[in-house]
C-alpha atoms as a PDB file:
ATOM      1  CA  MET A   1      76.631 165.863 150.685  1.00  0.00           C
ATOM      2  CA  ALA A   2      79.047 168.264 148.230  1.00  0.00           C
ATOM      3  CA  LYS A   3      78.103 171.323 147.871  1.00  0.00           C
ATOM      4  CA  LEU A   4      77.812 172.933 144.752  1.00  0.00           C
ATOM      5  CA  SER A   5      80.280 175.914 144.413  1.00  0.00           C
ATOM      6  CA  TRP A   6      78.823 179.296 142.514  1.00  0.00           C
ATOM      7  CA  PRO A   7      80.502 181.988 140.644  1.00  0.00           C
ATOM      8  CA  ALA A   8      80.132 184.527 142.289  1.00  0.00           C
ATOM      9  CA  THR A   9      81.431 188.057 140.877  1.00  0.00           C
ATOM     10  CA  ALA A  10      78.698 191.071 140.890  1.00  0.00           C
ATOM     11  CA  VAL A  11      79.175 191.235 136.964  1.00  0.00           C
ATOM     12  CA  ASP A  12      77.766 187.555 136.994  1.00  0.00           C
ATOM     13  CA  SER A  13      75.222 188.079 139.453  1.00  0.00           C
ATOM     14  CA  GLU A  14      74.062 191.466 137.868  1.00  0.00           C
ATOM     15  CA  LEU A  15      74.010 189.334 134.219  1.00  0.00           C
ATOM     16  CA  LEU A  16      72.200 186.213 135.734  1.00  0.00           C
ATOM     17  CA  ARG A  17      69.375 188.813 136.974  1.00  0.00           C
ATOM     18  CA  SER A  18      68.758 190.261 133.843  1.00  0.00           C
ATOM     19  CA  THR A  19      68.362 186.821 132.321  1.00  0.00           C
ATOM     20  CA  VAL A  20      65.192 185.395 131.165  1.00  0.00           C
ATOM     21  CA  THR A  21      65.095 183.157 128.355  1.00  0.00           C
ATOM     22  CA  LEU A  22      62.035 182.157 126.382  1.00  0.00           C
ATOM     23  CA  PHE A  23      62.286 178.228 125.324  1.00  0.00           C
ATOM     24  CA  SER A  24      60.493 178.529 122.167  1.00  0.00           C
ATOM     25  CA  ALA A  25      60.768 174.989 121.059  1.00  0.00           C
ATOM     26  CA  GLU A  26      59.011 173.925 124.259  1.00  0.00           C
ATOM     27  CA  VAL A  27      55.479 174.253 123.353  1.00  0.00           C
ATOM     28  CA  ARG A  28      52.732 171.926 125.038  1.00  0.00           C
ATOM     29  CA  GLY A  29      48.925 173.056 123.603  1.00  0.00           C
ATOM     30  CA  ARG A  30      48.240 176.121 125.593  1.00  0.00           C
ATOM     31  CA  ILE A  31      51.267 175.725 127.435  1.00  0.00           C
ATOM     32  CA  THR A  32      54.747 177.928 126.876  1.00  0.00           C
ATOM     33  CA  LEU A  33      58.008 177.126 128.679  1.00  0.00           C
ATOM     34  CA  GLU A  34      60.371 179.816 129.819  1.00  0.00           C
ATOM     35  CA  SER A  35      63.525 179.675 131.812  1.00  0.00           C
ATOM     36  CA  PHE A  36      65.867 182.041 133.676  1.00  0.00           C
ATOM     37  CA  ASP A  37      69.501 181.663 134.569  1.00  0.00           C
ATOM     38  CA  PHE A  38      70.043 180.921 138.242  1.00  0.00           C
ATOM     39  CA  ARG A  39      73.967 180.674 138.969  1.00  0.00           C
ATOM     40  CA  GLY A  40      74.104 179.254 135.377  1.00  0.00           C
ATOM     41  CA  LEU A  41      71.402 176.774 135.688  1.00  0.00           C
ATOM     42  CA  SER A  42      68.922 176.663 133.791  1.00  0.00           C
ATOM     43  CA  ILE A  43      65.625 176.763 135.578  1.00  0.00           C
ATOM     44  CA  ALA A  44      62.223 176.086 133.821  1.00  0.00           C
ATOM     45  CA  TYR A  45      58.852 177.783 134.293  1.00  0.00           C
ATOM     46  CA  GLU A  46      55.338 177.603 133.003  1.00  0.00           C
ATOM     47  CA  HIS A  47      53.716 181.010 132.659  1.00  0.00           C
ATOM     48  CA  THR A  48      50.343 181.507 132.039  1.00  0.00           C
ATOM     49  CA  GLY A  49      47.488 183.905 132.616  1.00  0.00           C
ATOM     50  CA  GLN A  50      47.148 187.722 133.225  1.00  0.00           C
ATOM     51  CA  GLY A  51      46.258 189.586 136.676  1.00  0.00           C
ATOM     52  CA  GLU A  52      47.802 190.093 140.180  1.00  0.00           C
ATOM     53  CA  PRO A  53      50.576 187.085 140.115  1.00  0.00           C
ATOM     54  CA  VAL A  54      51.086 184.164 141.914  1.00  0.00           C
ATOM     55  CA  VAL A  55      54.091 181.692 141.984  1.00  0.00           C
ATOM     56  CA  MET A  56      53.785 177.475 142.390  1.00  0.00           C
ATOM     57  CA  LEU A  57      55.983 175.431 143.502  1.00  0.00           C
ATOM     58  CA  HIS A  58      55.550 171.656 143.352  1.00  0.00           C
ATOM     59  CA  ASN A  59      56.636 169.195 145.869  1.00  0.00           C
ATOM     60  CA  GLY A  60      60.068 166.913 145.925  1.00  0.00           C
ATOM     61  CA  GLY A  61      59.778 164.376 142.953  1.00  0.00           C
ATOM     62  CA  SER A  62      56.991 166.128 140.800  1.00  0.00           C
ATOM     63  CA  SER A  63      57.090 168.895 138.229  1.00  0.00           C
ATOM     64  CA  HIS A  64      55.325 172.116 137.599  1.00  0.00           C
ATOM     65  CA  ALA A  65      52.490 170.155 135.915  1.00  0.00           C
ATOM     66  CA  ILE A  66      50.827 169.027 139.065  1.00  0.00           C
ATOM     67  CA  TRP A  67      49.145 173.053 138.857  1.00  0.00           C
ATOM     68  CA  ALA A  68      48.233 172.427 135.427  1.00  0.00           C
ATOM     69  CA  ASP A  69      44.387 171.635 136.927  1.00  0.00           C
ATOM     70  CA  VAL A  70      44.587 174.419 139.489  1.00  0.00           C
ATOM     71  CA  ALA A  71      46.720 177.353 137.379  1.00  0.00           C
ATOM     72  CA  THR A  72      43.590 176.565 133.738  1.00  0.00           C
ATOM     73  CA  ARG A  73      40.991 177.442 136.545  1.00  0.00           C
ATOM     74  CA  LEU A  74      42.707 180.776 137.606  1.00  0.00           C
ATOM     75  CA  ALA A  75      44.510 181.967 134.789  1.00  0.00           C
ATOM     76  CA  GLY A  76      41.511 184.202 134.186  1.00  0.00           C
ATOM     77  CA  LYS A  77      42.137 186.199 137.687  1.00  0.00           C
ATOM     78  CA  TYR A  78      45.730 185.886 137.631  1.00  0.00           C
ATOM     79  CA  GLU A  79      49.198 185.681 136.087  1.00  0.00           C
ATOM     80  CA  ILE A  80      50.820 181.936 137.191  1.00  0.00           C
ATOM     81  CA  PHE A  81      54.187 181.189 137.353  1.00  0.00           C
ATOM     82  CA  ALA A  82      54.573 177.394 137.928  1.00  0.00           C
ATOM     83  CA  LEU A  83      58.241 176.656 138.610  1.00  0.00           C
ATOM     84  CA  ASP A  84      60.765 173.381 137.989  1.00  0.00           C
ATOM     85  CA  LEU A  85      62.803 173.306 141.126  1.00  0.00           C
ATOM     86  CA  LEU A  86      66.252 173.190 140.232  1.00  0.00           C
ATOM     87  CA  GLY A  87      66.925 169.710 139.823  1.00  0.00           C
ATOM     88  CA  PHE A  88      63.627 168.052 139.047  1.00  0.00           C
ATOM     89  CA  GLY A  89      60.895 169.221 135.864  1.00  0.00           C
ATOM     90  CA  ASN A  90      62.887 170.514 133.025  1.00  0.00           C
ATOM     91  CA  SER A  91      65.466 172.136 135.143  1.00  0.00           C
ATOM     92  CA  ALA A  92      68.584 171.721 134.921  1.00  0.00           C
ATOM     93  CA  LYS A  93      69.828 168.680 137.697  1.00  0.00           C
ATOM     94  CA  PRO A  94      73.408 169.272 138.592  1.00  0.00           C
ATOM     95  CA  GLY A  95      73.463 166.473 141.454  1.00  0.00           C
ATOM     96  CA  ALA A  96      73.981 168.764 144.448  1.00  0.00           C
ATOM     97  CA  GLY A  97      72.942 171.909 145.948  1.00  0.00           C
ATOM     98  CA  TYR A  98      69.580 170.854 146.239  1.00  0.00           C
ATOM     99  CA  THR A  99      69.088 172.321 149.618  1.00  0.00           C
ATOM    100  CA  LEU A 100      66.643 174.627 151.452  1.00  0.00           C
ATOM    101  CA  ASP A 101      68.895 177.674 151.260  1.00  0.00           C
ATOM    102  CA  ASN A 102      69.747 177.195 147.580  1.00  0.00           C
ATOM    103  CA  TYR A 103      66.014 177.027 146.451  1.00  0.00           C
ATOM    104  CA  VAL A 104      65.315 180.009 148.314  1.00  0.00           C
ATOM    105  CA  ALA A 105      67.956 181.708 146.638  1.00  0.00           C
ATOM    106  CA  MET A 106      66.360 180.213 143.764  1.00  0.00           C
ATOM    107  CA  LEU A 107      63.072 182.047 143.745  1.00  0.00           C
ATOM    108  CA  GLU A 108      64.500 184.909 144.924  1.00  0.00           C
ATOM    109  CA  GLU A 109      66.005 184.952 141.842  1.00  0.00           C
ATOM    110  CA  PHE A 110      63.178 184.399 139.647  1.00  0.00           C
ATOM    111  CA  VAL A 111      61.389 186.876 141.591  1.00  0.00           C
ATOM    112  CA  ASN A 112      63.732 189.499 140.823  1.00  0.00           C
ATOM    113  CA  SER A 113      64.534 188.586 137.143  1.00  0.00           C
ATOM    114  CA  ARG A 114      60.534 188.983 136.687  1.00  0.00           C
ATOM    115  CA  GLY A 115      60.918 192.582 138.128  1.00  0.00           C
ATOM    116  CA  LEU A 116      57.685 191.526 140.413  1.00  0.00           C
ATOM    117  CA  GLU A 117      57.248 193.881 143.363  1.00  0.00           C
ATOM    118  CA  LYS A 118      54.775 191.590 145.017  1.00  0.00           C
ATOM    119  CA  VAL A 119      53.797 187.858 144.691  1.00  0.00           C
ATOM    120  CA  ALA A 120      51.360 185.527 146.177  1.00  0.00           C
ATOM    121  CA  LEU A 121      53.239 182.039 147.147  1.00  0.00           C
ATOM    122  CA  VAL A 122      51.380 178.930 146.595  1.00  0.00           C
ATOM    123  CA  GLY A 123      53.286 175.431 147.564  1.00  0.00           C
ATOM    124  CA  ASN A 124      52.994 171.486 147.686  1.00  0.00           C
ATOM    125  CA  CYS A 125      55.331 170.039 150.662  1.00  0.00           C
ATOM    126  CA  MET A 126      58.793 170.993 150.025  1.00  0.00           C
ATOM    127  CA  GLY A 127      57.521 174.307 148.269  1.00  0.00           C
ATOM    128  CA  CYS A 128      55.373 175.275 151.326  1.00  0.00           C
ATOM    129  CA  ALA A 129      58.620 175.324 153.114  1.00  0.00           C
ATOM    130  CA  ILE A 130      60.295 177.311 150.353  1.00  0.00           C
ATOM    131  CA  SER A 131      57.538 179.944 150.192  1.00  0.00           C
ATOM    132  CA  LEU A 132      57.726 180.130 153.836  1.00  0.00           C
ATOM    133  CA  ALA A 133      61.602 180.833 154.224  1.00  0.00           C
ATOM    134  CA  PHE A 134      61.330 183.138 151.270  1.00  0.00           C
ATOM    135  CA  THR A 135      58.793 184.729 153.281  1.00  0.00           C
ATOM    136  CA  ASP A 136      60.632 185.067 156.492  1.00  0.00           C
ATOM    137  CA  ARG A 137      63.383 187.229 155.034  1.00  0.00           C
ATOM    138  CA  HIS A 138      61.162 189.059 152.243  1.00  0.00           C
ATOM    139  CA  PRO A 139      57.660 189.853 154.084  1.00  0.00           C
ATOM    140  CA  ASP A 140      57.205 192.791 151.736  1.00  0.00           C
ATOM    141  CA  LYS A 141      57.402 190.920 148.639  1.00  0.00           C
ATOM    142  CA  VAL A 142      54.926 188.220 149.378  1.00  0.00           C
ATOM    143  CA  THR A 143      51.009 189.193 149.410  1.00  0.00           C
ATOM    144  CA  ALA A 144      49.743 185.905 150.724  1.00  0.00           C
ATOM    145  CA  LEU A 145      50.549 181.970 151.534  1.00  0.00           C
ATOM    146  CA  VAL A 146      48.933 179.440 150.047  1.00  0.00           C
ATOM    147  CA  LEU A 147      50.352 175.573 151.646  1.00  0.00           C
ATOM    148  CA  CYS A 148      48.980 172.378 150.756  1.00  0.00           C
ATOM    149  CA  ASN A 149      50.510 169.770 153.068  1.00  0.00           C
ATOM    150  CA  PRO A 150      53.942 171.346 153.849  1.00  0.00           C
ATOM    151  CA  LEU A 151      57.357 169.834 154.669  1.00  0.00           C
ATOM    152  CA  THR A 152      59.010 170.289 157.816  1.00  0.00           C
ATOM    153  CA  GLU A 153      61.073 167.434 159.728  1.00  0.00           C
ATOM    154  CA  SER A 154      58.411 166.703 162.113  1.00  0.00           C
ATOM    155  CA  THR A 155      55.738 166.442 159.419  1.00  0.00           C
ATOM    156  CA  PHE A 156      57.999 164.140 157.193  1.00  0.00           C
ATOM    157  CA  LEU A 157      58.915 162.085 160.433  1.00  0.00           C
ATOM    158  CA  GLY A 158      55.187 161.608 161.116  1.00  0.00           C
ATOM    159  CA  GLY A 159      54.612 160.703 157.907  1.00  0.00           C
ATOM    160  CA  TRP A 160      54.987 156.605 156.443  1.00  0.00           C
ATOM    161  CA  LEU A 161      58.129 156.975 155.124  1.00  0.00           C
ATOM    162  CA  GLY A 162      59.480 158.813 158.471  1.00  0.00           C
ATOM    163  CA  PRO A 163      61.393 155.845 159.212  1.00  0.00           C
ATOM    164  CA  LEU A 164      63.835 156.102 156.571  1.00  0.00           C
ATOM    165  CA  LEU A 165      64.744 159.684 158.205  1.00  0.00           C
ATOM    166  CA  TRP A 166      65.390 157.695 161.498  1.00  0.00           C
ATOM    167  CA  LEU A 167      67.642 155.044 159.858  1.00  0.00           C
ATOM    168  CA  ARG A 168      69.663 157.972 157.811  1.00  0.00           C
ATOM    169  CA  GLU A 169      70.440 159.992 160.558  1.00  0.00           C
ATOM    170  CA  ARG A 170      71.742 157.206 162.655  1.00  0.00           C
ATOM    171  CA  MET A 171      73.427 154.539 159.907  1.00  0.00           C
ATOM    172  CA  PRO A 172      74.766 157.893 157.736  1.00  0.00           C
ATOM    173  CA  ALA A 173      77.368 155.316 156.206  1.00  0.00           C
ATOM    174  CA  VAL A 174      75.122 152.961 154.692  1.00  0.00           C
ATOM    175  CA  ASN A 175      73.052 156.128 153.713  1.00  0.00           C
ATOM    176  CA  ARG A 176      75.370 157.235 151.539  1.00  0.00           C
ATOM    177  CA  GLN A 177      76.107 154.332 149.560  1.00  0.00           C
ATOM    178  CA  VAL A 178      72.349 153.389 149.135  1.00  0.00           C
ATOM    179  CA  TYR A 179      71.686 156.948 147.931  1.00  0.00           C
ATOM    180  CA  ARG A 180      75.046 156.627 145.830  1.00  0.00           C
ATOM    181  CA  ALA A 181      73.647 152.998 144.485  1.00  0.00           C
ATOM    182  CA  LEU A 182      69.935 155.022 144.578  1.00  0.00           C
ATOM    183  CA  GLY A 183      71.333 157.973 142.619  1.00  0.00           C
ATOM    184  CA  HIS A 184      71.813 156.608 139.251  1.00  0.00           C
ATOM    185  CA  LEU A 185      69.076 154.471 138.822  1.00  0.00           C
ATOM    186  CA  LYS A 186      66.422 155.340 136.177  1.00  0.00           C
ATOM    187  CA  LEU A 187      63.340 154.388 137.364  1.00  0.00           C
ATOM    188  CA  THR A 188      60.831 152.653 134.946  1.00  0.00           C
ATOM    189  CA  ASN A 189      57.109 154.405 134.228  1.00  0.00           C
ATOM    190  CA  GLY A 190      55.617 151.883 135.740  1.00  0.00           C
ATOM    191  CA  ILE A 191      57.149 152.493 138.892  1.00  0.00           C
ATOM    192  CA  GLY A 192      56.645 156.462 138.713  1.00  0.00           C
ATOM    193  CA  SER A 193      52.909 155.481 138.430  1.00  0.00           C
ATOM    194  CA  VAL A 194      53.318 153.270 141.540  1.00  0.00           C
ATOM    195  CA  ALA A 195      54.540 156.319 143.201  1.00  0.00           C
ATOM    196  CA  THR A 196      52.771 158.698 142.104  1.00  0.00           C
ATOM    197  CA  ALA A 197      49.373 156.028 143.143  1.00  0.00           C
ATOM    198  CA  PHE A 198      51.058 155.993 146.856  1.00  0.00           C
ATOM    199  CA  GLN A 199      50.738 159.849 147.235  1.00  0.00           C
ATOM    200  CA  LEU A 200      46.842 160.069 146.645  1.00  0.00           C
ATOM    201  CA  GLY A 201      43.977 159.366 148.520  1.00  0.00           C
ATOM    202  CA  PRO A 202      40.839 157.654 147.588  1.00  0.00           C
ATOM    203  CA  ARG A 203      40.035 160.896 145.425  1.00  0.00           C
ATOM    204  CA  GLY A 204      42.428 160.575 143.121  1.00  0.00           C
ATOM    205  CA  ARG A 205      42.912 156.587 143.145  1.00  0.00           C
ATOM    206  CA  ALA A 206      39.735 156.769 141.950  1.00  0.00           C
ATOM    207  CA  LEU A 207      39.885 160.018 139.009  1.00  0.00           C
ATOM    208  CA  LYS A 208      43.404 157.480 138.059  1.00  0.00           C
ATOM    209  CA  VAL A 209      45.693 160.557 138.556  1.00  0.00           C
ATOM    210  CA  TYR A 210      48.315 158.285 138.141  1.00  0.00           C
ATOM    211  CA  ARG A 211      48.197 156.969 134.394  1.00  0.00           C
ATOM    212  CA  SER A 212      48.614 160.601 133.431  1.00  0.00           C
ATOM    213  CA  PRO A 213      52.158 160.507 131.910  1.00  0.00           C
ATOM    214  CA  GLN A 214      52.390 163.839 132.653  1.00  0.00           C
ATOM    215  CA  ILE A 215      52.430 163.401 136.416  1.00  0.00           C
ATOM    216  CA  PHE A 216      54.099 159.959 136.545  1.00  0.00           C
ATOM    217  CA  GLY A 217      56.821 160.896 133.870  1.00  0.00           C
ATOM    218  CA  PRO A 218      59.394 162.966 135.994  1.00  0.00           C
ATOM    219  CA  TYR A 219      59.387 159.699 138.357  1.00  0.00           C
ATOM    220  CA  ALA A 220      61.346 158.382 136.017  1.00  0.00           C
ATOM    221  CA  ALA A 221      63.612 160.921 134.346  1.00  0.00           C
ATOM    222  CA  THR A 222      67.242 160.666 134.127  1.00  0.00           C
ATOM    223  CA  GLY A 223      68.514 162.535 137.552  1.00  0.00           C
ATOM    224  CA  GLN A 224      65.341 163.028 138.967  1.00  0.00           C
ATOM    225  CA  LEU A 225      65.375 160.049 141.324  1.00  0.00           C
ATOM    226  CA  GLU A 226      69.328 161.642 142.596  1.00  0.00           C
ATOM    227  CA  SER A 227      67.353 165.420 143.118  1.00  0.00           C
ATOM    228  CA  LEU A 228      64.466 163.919 145.470  1.00  0.00           C
ATOM    229  CA  LEU A 229      67.219 162.143 147.888  1.00  0.00           C
ATOM    230  CA  GLY A 230      69.217 165.740 147.677  1.00  0.00           C
ATOM    231  CA  VAL A 231      66.352 167.121 148.983  1.00  0.00           C
ATOM    232  CA  LEU A 232      65.911 164.080 152.018  1.00  0.00           C
ATOM    233  CA  ASP A 233      69.487 164.862 152.818  1.00  0.00           C
ATOM    234  CA  ASP A 234      68.996 167.960 153.883  1.00  0.00           C
ATOM    235  CA  LEU A 235      65.811 167.804 155.871  1.00  0.00           C
ATOM    236  CA  GLU A 236      67.235 168.121 158.631  1.00  0.00           C
ATOM    237  CA  ASN A 237      67.207 171.839 157.671  1.00  0.00           C
ATOM    238  CA  TYR A 238      63.828 171.893 157.384  1.00  0.00           C
ATOM    239  CA  ALA A 239      63.083 171.840 161.107  1.00  0.00           C
ATOM    240  CA  VAL A 240      63.164 175.789 160.860  1.00  0.00           C
ATOM    241  CA  ILE A 241      59.973 175.683 159.515  1.00  0.00           C
ATOM    242  CA  ASP A 242      59.107 173.576 162.634  1.00  0.00           C
ATOM    243  CA  LYS A 243      59.976 176.440 164.823  1.00  0.00           C
ATOM    244  CA  LEU A 244      58.611 179.325 162.707  1.00  0.00           C
ATOM    245  CA  ALA A 245      56.389 181.798 164.700  1.00  0.00           C
ATOM    246  CA  PRO A 246      54.855 184.236 162.234  1.00  0.00           C
ATOM    247  CA  GLN A 247      55.115 187.687 163.918  1.00  0.00           C
ATOM    248  CA  PRO A 248      52.822 190.946 163.278  1.00  0.00           C
ATOM    249  CA  GLY A 249      53.664 192.385 159.542  1.00  0.00           C
ATOM    250  CA  PHE A 250      53.800 188.276 157.606  1.00  0.00           C
ATOM    251  CA  PRO A 251      51.771 187.817 155.391  1.00  0.00           C
ATOM    252  CA  PRO A 252      48.662 185.789 155.684  1.00  0.00           C
ATOM    253  CA  ILE A 253      48.656 182.328 155.069  1.00  0.00           C
ATOM    254  CA  CYS A 254      46.204 179.419 154.618  1.00  0.00           C
ATOM    255  CA  THR A 255      46.900 175.442 154.791  1.00  0.00           C
ATOM    256  CA  ILE A 256      45.476 173.048 152.738  1.00  0.00           C
ATOM    257  CA  TRP A 257      45.739 169.340 154.179  1.00  0.00           C
ATOM    258  CA  GLY A 258      44.754 165.860 152.434  1.00  0.00           C
ATOM    259  CA  LEU A 259      43.383 164.101 155.132  1.00  0.00           C
ATOM    260  CA  LYS A 260      44.528 160.955 153.891  1.00  0.00           C
ATOM    261  CA  ASN A 261      48.073 162.139 153.118  1.00  0.00           C
ATOM    262  CA  LYS A 262      50.789 159.782 153.740  1.00  0.00           C
ATOM    263  CA  ILE A 263      54.115 161.728 152.709  1.00  0.00           C
ATOM    264  CA  VAL A 264      53.467 164.042 155.268  1.00  0.00           C
ATOM    265  CA  SER A 265      51.511 163.565 158.569  1.00  0.00           C
ATOM    266  CA  PRO A 266      48.172 165.767 158.726  1.00  0.00           C
ATOM    267  CA  LYS A 267      48.366 164.465 162.506  1.00  0.00           C
ATOM    268  CA  ALA A 268      51.927 167.014 163.052  1.00  0.00           C
ATOM    269  CA  GLY A 269      49.906 169.095 160.288  1.00  0.00           C
ATOM    270  CA  ARG A 270      47.418 170.113 162.906  1.00  0.00           C
ATOM    271  CA  ARG A 271      50.787 170.845 165.413  1.00  0.00           C
ATOM    272  CA  LEU A 272      52.357 173.341 162.734  1.00  0.00           C
ATOM    273  CA  ASN A 273      48.944 175.109 162.712  1.00  0.00           C
ATOM    274  CA  SER A 274      49.556 175.991 166.134  1.00  0.00           C
ATOM    275  CA  THR A 275      52.531 177.964 165.404  1.00  0.00           C
ATOM    276  CA  LEU A 276      51.842 179.433 161.948  1.00  0.00           C
ATOM    277  CA  HIS A 277      48.611 180.343 162.559  1.00  0.00           C
ATOM    278  CA  PRO A 278      46.960 179.910 159.486  1.00  0.00           C
ATOM    279  CA  ALA A 279      43.781 182.855 159.121  1.00  0.00           C
ATOM    280  CA  ARG A 280      42.164 179.745 157.126  1.00  0.00           C
ATOM    281  CA  GLN A 281      42.617 175.820 157.316  1.00  0.00           C
ATOM    282  CA  GLU A 282      41.204 173.279 155.154  1.00  0.00           C
ATOM    283  CA  TRP A 283      40.667 169.696 155.662  1.00  0.00           C
ATOM    284  CA  LEU A 284      40.205 167.736 152.561  1.00  0.00           C
ATOM    285  CA  PRO A 285      39.078 164.286 153.809  1.00  0.00           C
ATOM    286  CA  GLU A 286      39.479 161.648 150.552  1.00  0.00           C
ATOM    287  CA  SER A 287      42.426 163.352 149.215  1.00  0.00           C
ATOM    288  CA  GLY A 288      45.991 162.536 149.981  1.00  0.00           C
ATOM    289  CA  HIS A 289      49.312 164.550 149.006  1.00  0.00           C
ATOM    290  CA  LEU A 290      48.319 165.415 145.771  1.00  0.00           C
ATOM    291  CA  LEU A 291      45.392 167.462 146.298  1.00  0.00           C
ATOM    292  CA  MET A 292      45.340 170.018 143.764  1.00  0.00           C
ATOM    293  CA  LEU A 293      44.831 167.060 140.981  1.00  0.00           C
ATOM    294  CA  GLU A 294      42.351 164.896 143.180  1.00  0.00           C
ATOM    295  CA  GLN A 295      40.003 168.243 143.992  1.00  0.00           C
ATOM    296  CA  PRO A 296      41.256 171.192 141.455  1.00  0.00           C
ATOM    297  CA  ASP A 297      37.863 172.517 141.449  1.00  0.00           C
ATOM    298  CA  GLU A 298      38.001 172.942 145.859  1.00  0.00           C
ATOM    299  CA  VAL A 299      41.446 174.004 145.461  1.00  0.00           C
ATOM    300  CA  ALA A 300      41.332 176.648 143.224  1.00  0.00           C
ATOM    301  CA  ALA A 301      38.557 178.218 144.526  1.00  0.00           C
ATOM    302  CA  ILE A 302      39.810 178.330 147.857  1.00  0.00           C
ATOM    303  CA  ILE A 303      43.243 179.717 146.746  1.00  0.00           C
ATOM    304  CA  ASP A 304      40.721 181.906 144.695  1.00  0.00           C
ATOM    305  CA  GLU A 305      38.881 183.122 147.992  1.00  0.00           C
ATOM    306  CA  PHE A 306      41.606 182.850 150.481  1.00  0.00           C
ATOM    307  CA  LEU A 307      44.015 185.753 147.982  1.00  0.00           C
ATOM    308  CA  GLN A 308      41.027 188.026 147.243  1.00  0.00           C
ATOM    309  CA  ALA A 309      40.450 188.106 151.346  1.00  0.00           C
ATOM    310  CA  ALA A 310      44.268 188.382 152.006  1.00  0.00           C
ATOM    311  CA  ALA A 311      43.895 191.886 149.819  1.00  0.00           C
ATOM    312  CA  THR A 312      41.561 192.992 152.447  1.00  0.00           C
ATOM    313  CA  MET A 313      43.253 192.002 155.367  1.00  0.00           C
ATOM    314  CA  PRO A 314      45.120 194.287 157.477  1.00  0.00           C
ATOM    315  CA  ALA A 315      49.034 194.286 157.074  1.00  0.00           C
END
């Protein structure tokens, strides 16, 4: 996969670090989207609430909108930043560069541009991998991590879509042709709704989460499928999360798994927990990959309780 070539002058880096632009036209009710500049690319994020800063990172294929219900419940206590990752939502879609390393660099740029000294990180799927990789490099900048359905090479291989990765590794030439063809497809809203429904457990399907345009819409956005395929093309680099063994001084971790998850394997998640050693682990029997939409009250309560507890845990 082609890699992006970034400008790298010290002057440019300093200018980018100080650039935070308000999208004055992007107002949806009470929600205002802001943006920052990451290597010449615009990265959007929702900003709401007051208090200790919490950064939320979504799963591949979706957007910051998956956190809306949880953010609303937490905004009275915390300052919430819900990012649209590079290639997704309202952020730039350059067509390349969707690697774990680039996403960590993007998060570094965001934290620096906002002048945030310490943050709590809340992720779903690939958002967890980004959070863990960032924290491994900057443990002093993170107060706690809440990881929903963490994506690693092993948890994906154990999910329903795992055979796709197996085929990719054994048929690289066919894989490139398929990715090239799929990457230029524009999905319909109907397919976006089906893709959303596939990720839900019984709880989410009963709530008809898949009917929300804010949730299924991103799957039909131009360029978003290409971005998701780009993430999958880098999945072998997510194996580093399988091997991550937090040392003393690493911020406390809470994991939340939806036991009806089809995208990443809860069984593999139990093995992952044996190396991550979370201070708290939760298993939601009736939820799937989008548990923050399926059980927003419960997920918001878990996040709040854990962040409060983490503040009193010894370093």
